[in-house]
């Protein structure tokens, strides 16, 4: 797996396709771009775009209040967040405490919810906050224990670096369709949207906020009406290929970050105002 700048582990994270997105930015003369992710999640790709100079600003949106609370907390209460990391013991007792906060998120402060999201993301299998169990099991007799992904020094380093770019990081907690429409109205220079919705086939098992079939159709209608350049990535499902049969669709290889480490194929769809360089190792899908 590629090294990520994100403090979060995220199923389906797209840090691995930085080479594809940066090459597209070069080919289309949109470097540095104003880069937006309607489904930011761990934002590993967005941070790589920013830190490498391919993005002048990044716009991170996630409708999941738990994820948004994490980003809000490290940008607005960074010192306290770091102190909390340093002082918190990584134990099963603490895991239960943080899980209780997550299960009552409407009553939690943004800071407490943000830290709970972070703690569970680092201690649960595949980084899945609510729909997966703790690494090593409740009895902690597995091959690994819950602290194996909780390197405090490394995580604090990542958070401090993100904080140092805070003026270029813009976060929001909106529905993805509302976010995309609002981003269009900003009329920024060199916009680029990288859209990575919940998986069609396994979304309900990976994400707190997953989509039904009609949601994917409504999303298609919004995306294809955008004037800004966009790149869309999806799991390789027949239904998705059918939804986007009137657009340029491609297969690409990606290393999955949740549960298994195999290389799989996903779908990349592009807006009509983006040119793909021939150097990219991706395969065009031919519509039936």
Protein backbone atom coordinates (compact mmCIF):
# COMPACT_ATOMS: atom_id res chain seq x y z
CA UNK A 1 0.00 0.00 0.00
CA UNK A 2 1.19 3.54 -0.71
CA UNK A 3 2.23 5.76 2.17
CA UNK A 4 -0.63 8.10 3.05
CA UNK A 5 -0.52 11.55 4.64
CA UNK A 6 -3.88 10.94 6.30
CA UNK A 7 -4.14 10.06 10.00
CA UNK A 8 -7.22 8.00 9.09
CA UNK A 9 -7.41 4.51 7.64
CA UNK A 10 -10.24 4.40 5.14
CA UNK A 11 -11.88 1.57 3.15
CA UNK A 12 -11.55 2.34 -0.54
CA UNK A 13 -9.13 5.21 0.05
CA UNK A 14 -7.70 6.63 -3.16
CA UNK A 15 -4.14 7.68 -2.25
CA UNK A 16 -3.00 4.92 -4.62
CA UNK A 17 -4.30 6.78 -7.69
CA UNK A 18 -2.33 9.99 -7.10
CA UNK A 19 -0.19 9.22 -10.15
CA UNK A 20 -3.33 9.02 -12.31
CA UNK A 21 -4.89 12.24 -10.99
CA UNK A 22 -1.65 14.24 -11.06
CA UNK A 23 -0.95 13.11 -14.63
CA UNK A 24 -4.45 14.22 -15.62
CA UNK A 25 -3.84 17.61 -13.97
CA UNK A 26 -0.60 18.00 -15.93
CA UNK A 27 -2.19 16.98 -19.23
CA UNK A 28 -5.08 19.42 -18.81
CA UNK A 29 -3.03 22.35 -17.48
CA UNK A 30 -4.91 22.55 -14.19
CA UNK A 31 -1.94 22.56 -11.83
CA UNK A 32 -2.25 23.86 -9.22
CA UNK A 33 -5.97 23.17 -9.06
CA UNK A 34 -8.68 23.98 -6.57
CA UNK A 35 -9.32 20.37 -5.67
CA UNK A 36 -12.60 19.15 -4.19
CA UNK A 37 -13.78 15.83 -2.74
CA UNK A 38 -17.52 15.47 -2.01
CA UNK A 39 -16.81 12.20 -0.15
CA UNK A 40 -13.56 13.09 1.59
CA UNK A 41 -13.33 10.30 4.16
CA UNK A 42 -9.65 9.94 5.00
CA UNK A 43 -8.69 12.51 2.32
CA UNK A 44 -5.38 10.78 1.63
CA UNK A 45 -5.44 11.67 -2.07
CA UNK A 46 -6.47 15.28 -1.37
CA UNK A 47 -3.63 15.77 1.10
CA UNK A 48 -1.14 14.30 -1.36
CA UNK A 49 -2.39 16.70 -4.04
CA UNK A 50 -1.94 19.62 -1.63
CA UNK A 51 1.45 18.66 -0.19
CA UNK A 52 2.89 17.94 -3.64
CA UNK A 53 1.82 21.30 -5.07
CA UNK A 54 -0.79 19.88 -7.43
CA UNK A 55 -3.55 21.63 -5.47
CA UNK A 56 -3.53 25.23 -4.25
CA UNK A 57 -6.53 24.55 -2.00
CA UNK A 58 -8.47 21.43 -1.07
CA UNK A 59 -12.18 21.35 -0.30
CA UNK A 60 -13.07 18.37 1.89
CA UNK A 61 -16.69 17.43 2.43
CA UNK A 62 -18.21 14.51 4.29
CA UNK A 63 -21.84 14.13 5.33
CA UNK A 64 -20.80 11.80 8.16
CA UNK A 65 -20.68 14.01 11.24
CA UNK A 66 -18.14 11.68 12.83
CA UNK A 67 -15.64 12.18 10.01
CA UNK A 68 -16.29 15.90 9.73
CA UNK A 69 -15.82 16.25 13.51
CA UNK A 70 -12.35 14.73 13.21
CA UNK A 71 -11.24 17.17 10.51
CA UNK A 72 -12.80 20.09 12.35
CA UNK A 73 -11.06 19.15 15.58
CA UNK A 74 -7.53 18.78 14.21
CA UNK A 75 -7.81 22.07 12.31
CA UNK A 76 -9.47 24.10 15.07
CA UNK A 77 -8.33 22.39 18.29
CA UNK A 78 -5.07 20.83 17.19
CA UNK A 79 -3.06 21.33 20.39
CA UNK A 80 -5.79 19.83 22.56
CA UNK A 81 -6.23 16.96 20.12
CA UNK A 82 -2.53 16.12 20.27
CA UNK A 83 -2.56 16.26 24.06
CA UNK A 84 -5.52 13.89 24.03
CA UNK A 85 -3.60 11.43 21.85
CA UNK A 86 -0.59 11.60 24.16
CA UNK A 87 -2.62 11.09 27.34
CA UNK A 88 -5.01 8.37 26.17
CA UNK A 89 -4.18 4.74 26.89
CA UNK A 90 -4.94 2.36 24.01
CA UNK A 91 -6.91 -0.25 25.93
CA UNK A 92 -10.14 -2.22 25.57
CA UNK A 93 -11.63 -0.13 28.37
CA UNK A 94 -10.91 3.02 26.40
CA UNK A 95 -12.26 1.39 23.23
CA UNK A 96 -15.61 0.77 24.95
CA UNK A 97 -15.67 4.37 26.16
CA UNK A 98 -14.99 5.75 22.68
CA UNK A 99 -17.53 3.40 21.11
CA UNK A 100 -20.19 4.67 23.54
CA UNK A 101 -19.45 8.23 22.40
CA UNK A 102 -19.85 7.14 18.78
CA UNK A 103 -23.14 5.40 19.51
CA UNK A 104 -24.48 8.62 21.04
CA UNK A 105 -22.93 11.06 18.58
CA UNK A 106 -25.78 13.57 18.67
CA UNK A 107 -25.02 14.23 22.35
CA UNK A 108 -21.24 14.46 21.97
CA UNK A 109 -19.23 17.63 21.48
CA UNK A 110 -17.45 17.98 18.15
CA UNK A 111 -14.11 17.49 19.87
CA UNK A 112 -15.15 14.32 21.72
CA UNK A 113 -16.81 12.92 18.62
CA UNK A 114 -13.80 13.75 16.47
CA UNK A 115 -11.44 12.00 18.86
CA UNK A 116 -13.77 9.01 19.15
CA UNK A 117 -13.82 8.71 15.35
CA UNK A 118 -10.03 8.86 15.26
CA UNK A 119 -9.57 6.34 18.09
CA UNK A 120 -11.97 3.78 16.62
CA UNK A 121 -10.60 4.27 13.12
CA UNK A 122 -7.12 3.39 14.36
CA UNK A 123 -8.22 0.45 16.55
CA UNK A 124 -10.99 -1.23 14.51
CA UNK A 125 -10.48 -3.73 11.72
CA UNK A 126 -9.88 -1.99 8.38
CA UNK A 127 -10.53 1.38 10.01
CA UNK A 128 -14.31 0.89 9.89
CA UNK A 129 -15.65 2.97 12.76
CA UNK A 130 -18.98 1.31 13.64
CA UNK A 131 -19.46 -1.73 11.44
CA UNK A 132 -16.32 -3.64 12.39
CA UNK A 133 -14.92 -5.04 15.60
CA UNK A 134 -11.76 -4.14 17.45
CA UNK A 135 -8.42 -5.43 16.14
CA UNK A 136 -7.52 -8.58 18.09
CA UNK A 137 -11.05 -9.10 19.39
CA UNK A 138 -12.51 -8.09 22.73
CA UNK A 139 -10.35 -10.69 24.49
CA UNK A 140 -7.24 -9.37 22.70
CA UNK A 141 -5.99 -12.87 21.94
CA UNK A 142 -5.67 -12.40 18.17
CA UNK A 143 -2.50 -12.15 16.11
CA UNK A 144 -2.54 -8.36 16.56
CA UNK A 145 -3.72 -6.13 19.39
CA UNK A 146 -5.75 -2.95 19.15
CA UNK A 147 -2.73 -0.64 19.41
CA UNK A 148 -0.90 -2.10 16.38
CA UNK A 149 -2.14 0.74 14.11
CA UNK A 150 -1.80 3.45 16.75
CA UNK A 151 1.72 4.82 16.42
CA UNK A 152 1.26 8.02 18.40
CA UNK A 153 4.46 9.69 17.21
CA UNK A 154 3.68 9.13 13.53
CA UNK A 155 0.03 10.14 13.87
CA UNK A 156 0.90 13.35 15.71
CA UNK A 157 3.44 14.18 13.01
CA UNK A 158 0.78 13.79 10.32
CA UNK A 159 -1.72 15.93 12.23
CA UNK A 160 0.82 18.72 12.77
CA UNK A 161 1.63 18.80 9.06
CA UNK A 162 -2.06 19.06 8.15
CA UNK A 163 -2.48 21.88 10.66
CA UNK A 164 0.40 23.78 9.02
CA UNK A 165 -1.65 23.89 5.79
CA UNK A 166 -4.91 24.91 7.48
CA UNK A 167 -5.42 28.09 5.42
CA UNK A 168 -5.58 25.93 2.29
CA UNK A 169 -7.95 23.30 3.70
CA UNK A 170 -11.69 23.99 3.61
CA UNK A 171 -14.03 21.51 5.29
CA UNK A 172 -17.80 21.07 5.17
CA UNK A 173 -20.50 18.70 6.41
CA UNK A 174 -23.01 18.68 3.57
CA UNK A 175 -24.85 16.25 1.37
CA UNK A 176 -22.51 15.47 -1.52
CA UNK A 177 -24.90 16.77 -4.18
CA UNK A 178 -25.37 20.05 -2.30
CA UNK A 179 -21.61 20.34 -1.89
CA UNK A 180 -20.94 19.89 -5.61
CA UNK A 181 -23.54 22.48 -6.54
CA UNK A 182 -22.15 24.93 -3.98
CA UNK A 183 -18.60 24.31 -5.19
CA UNK A 184 -19.65 25.13 -8.75
CA UNK A 185 -21.05 28.46 -7.54
CA UNK A 186 -17.71 29.42 -5.99
CA UNK A 187 -16.38 29.86 -9.53
CA UNK A 188 -12.80 29.10 -8.47
CA UNK A 189 -9.93 28.99 -10.95
CA UNK A 190 -8.72 25.58 -12.14
CA UNK A 191 -11.39 23.51 -10.39
CA UNK A 192 -11.10 19.72 -10.23
CA UNK A 193 -13.59 17.43 -8.51
CA UNK A 194 -12.51 13.93 -7.58
CA UNK A 195 -15.69 12.04 -6.73
CA UNK A 196 -15.46 8.72 -4.89
CA UNK A 197 -18.97 7.70 -3.75
CA UNK A 198 -19.79 4.78 -1.46
CA UNK A 199 -19.30 1.46 -3.24
CA UNK A 200 -22.38 0.14 -5.03
CA UNK A 201 -21.98 -3.52 -4.03
CA UNK A 202 -20.47 -3.40 -0.53
CA UNK A 203 -21.27 0.13 0.58
CA UNK A 204 -23.67 -0.88 3.35
CA UNK A 205 -20.99 -3.00 5.04
CA UNK A 206 -18.25 -0.34 4.83
CA UNK A 207 -19.84 3.06 5.34
CA UNK A 208 -22.14 4.66 7.89
CA UNK A 209 -23.77 6.67 5.10
CA UNK A 210 -24.24 4.31 2.16
CA UNK A 211 -26.36 4.70 -0.97
CA UNK A 212 -29.38 2.85 -2.31
CA UNK A 213 -29.75 2.28 -6.06
CA UNK A 214 -31.84 5.43 -6.59
CA UNK A 215 -29.20 7.52 -4.79
CA UNK A 216 -26.58 6.41 -7.30
CA UNK A 217 -28.91 7.43 -10.15
CA UNK A 218 -29.54 10.88 -8.66
CA UNK A 219 -25.82 11.31 -8.16
CA UNK A 220 -25.20 10.48 -11.83
CA UNK A 221 -27.66 13.19 -12.88
CA UNK A 222 -25.84 15.80 -10.77
CA UNK A 223 -22.33 14.80 -11.80
CA UNK A 224 -23.04 14.77 -15.52
CA UNK A 225 -24.51 18.28 -15.30
CA UNK A 226 -21.39 19.79 -13.73
CA UNK A 227 -19.43 22.35 -15.72
CA UNK A 228 -16.22 21.87 -13.71
CA UNK A 229 -13.82 19.09 -14.73
CA UNK A 230 -14.42 15.93 -12.74
CA UNK A 231 -13.08 12.42 -12.24
CA UNK A 232 -15.35 9.74 -10.77
CA UNK A 233 -14.20 6.42 -9.28
CA UNK A 234 -16.47 3.48 -8.45
CA UNK A 235 -16.42 -0.23 -7.76
CA UNK A 236 -16.62 -2.32 -10.93
CA UNK A 237 -20.35 -3.11 -10.85
CA UNK A 238 -22.61 -3.82 -13.83
CA UNK A 239 -25.12 -1.28 -12.56
CA UNK A 240 -22.52 1.49 -12.47
CA UNK A 241 -21.32 0.72 -15.97
CA UNK A 242 -24.93 0.95 -17.13
CA UNK A 243 -25.49 4.26 -15.33
CA UNK A 244 -22.49 5.85 -17.02
CA UNK A 245 -22.71 4.16 -20.42
CA UNK A 246 -22.92 7.55 -22.15
CA UNK A 247 -19.65 8.69 -20.61
CA UNK A 248 -16.03 7.69 -21.12
CA UNK A 249 -15.42 4.80 -18.69
CA UNK A 250 -12.16 3.03 -17.94
CA UNK A 251 -10.88 0.16 -15.80
CA UNK A 252 -7.95 0.78 -13.50
CA UNK A 253 -6.07 -1.29 -10.93
CA UNK A 254 -6.06 -0.34 -7.26
CA UNK A 255 -4.69 -1.87 -4.06
CA UNK A 256 -7.60 -2.32 -1.68
CA UNK A 257 -7.04 -1.02 1.84
CA UNK A 258 -9.84 -2.80 3.67
CA UNK A 259 -9.57 -6.39 4.89
CA UNK A 260 -7.49 -7.79 2.00
CA UNK A 261 -4.47 -6.53 0.11
CA UNK A 262 -5.26 -7.84 -3.36
CA UNK A 263 -5.13 -5.69 -6.46
CA UNK A 264 -8.61 -5.17 -7.89
CA UNK A 265 -10.21 -3.30 -10.75
CA UNK A 266 -12.38 -0.24 -10.34
CA UNK A 267 -14.06 2.10 -12.80
CA UNK A 268 -12.90 5.60 -13.64
CA UNK A 269 -15.30 7.96 -15.42
CA UNK A 270 -14.25 11.39 -16.67
CA UNK A 271 -16.02 14.57 -17.67
CA UNK A 272 -16.05 15.47 -21.35
CA UNK A 273 -13.78 18.48 -20.74
CA UNK A 274 -10.90 16.33 -19.46
CA UNK A 275 -8.33 14.70 -21.73
CA UNK A 276 -6.65 11.50 -20.61
CA UNK A 277 -2.97 11.15 -21.56
CA UNK A 278 -2.13 8.01 -23.50
CA UNK A 279 0.61 7.22 -20.98
CA UNK A 280 -1.94 6.17 -18.35
CA UNK A 281 -2.23 2.42 -17.89
CA UNK A 282 -6.01 2.26 -17.90
CA UNK A 283 -8.36 0.31 -20.14
CA UNK A 284 -11.30 1.95 -21.91
CA UNK A 285 -14.63 0.18 -21.40
CA UNK A 286 -16.69 -0.22 -24.56
CA UNK A 287 -20.39 0.44 -24.05
CA UNK A 288 -22.65 -2.48 -24.93
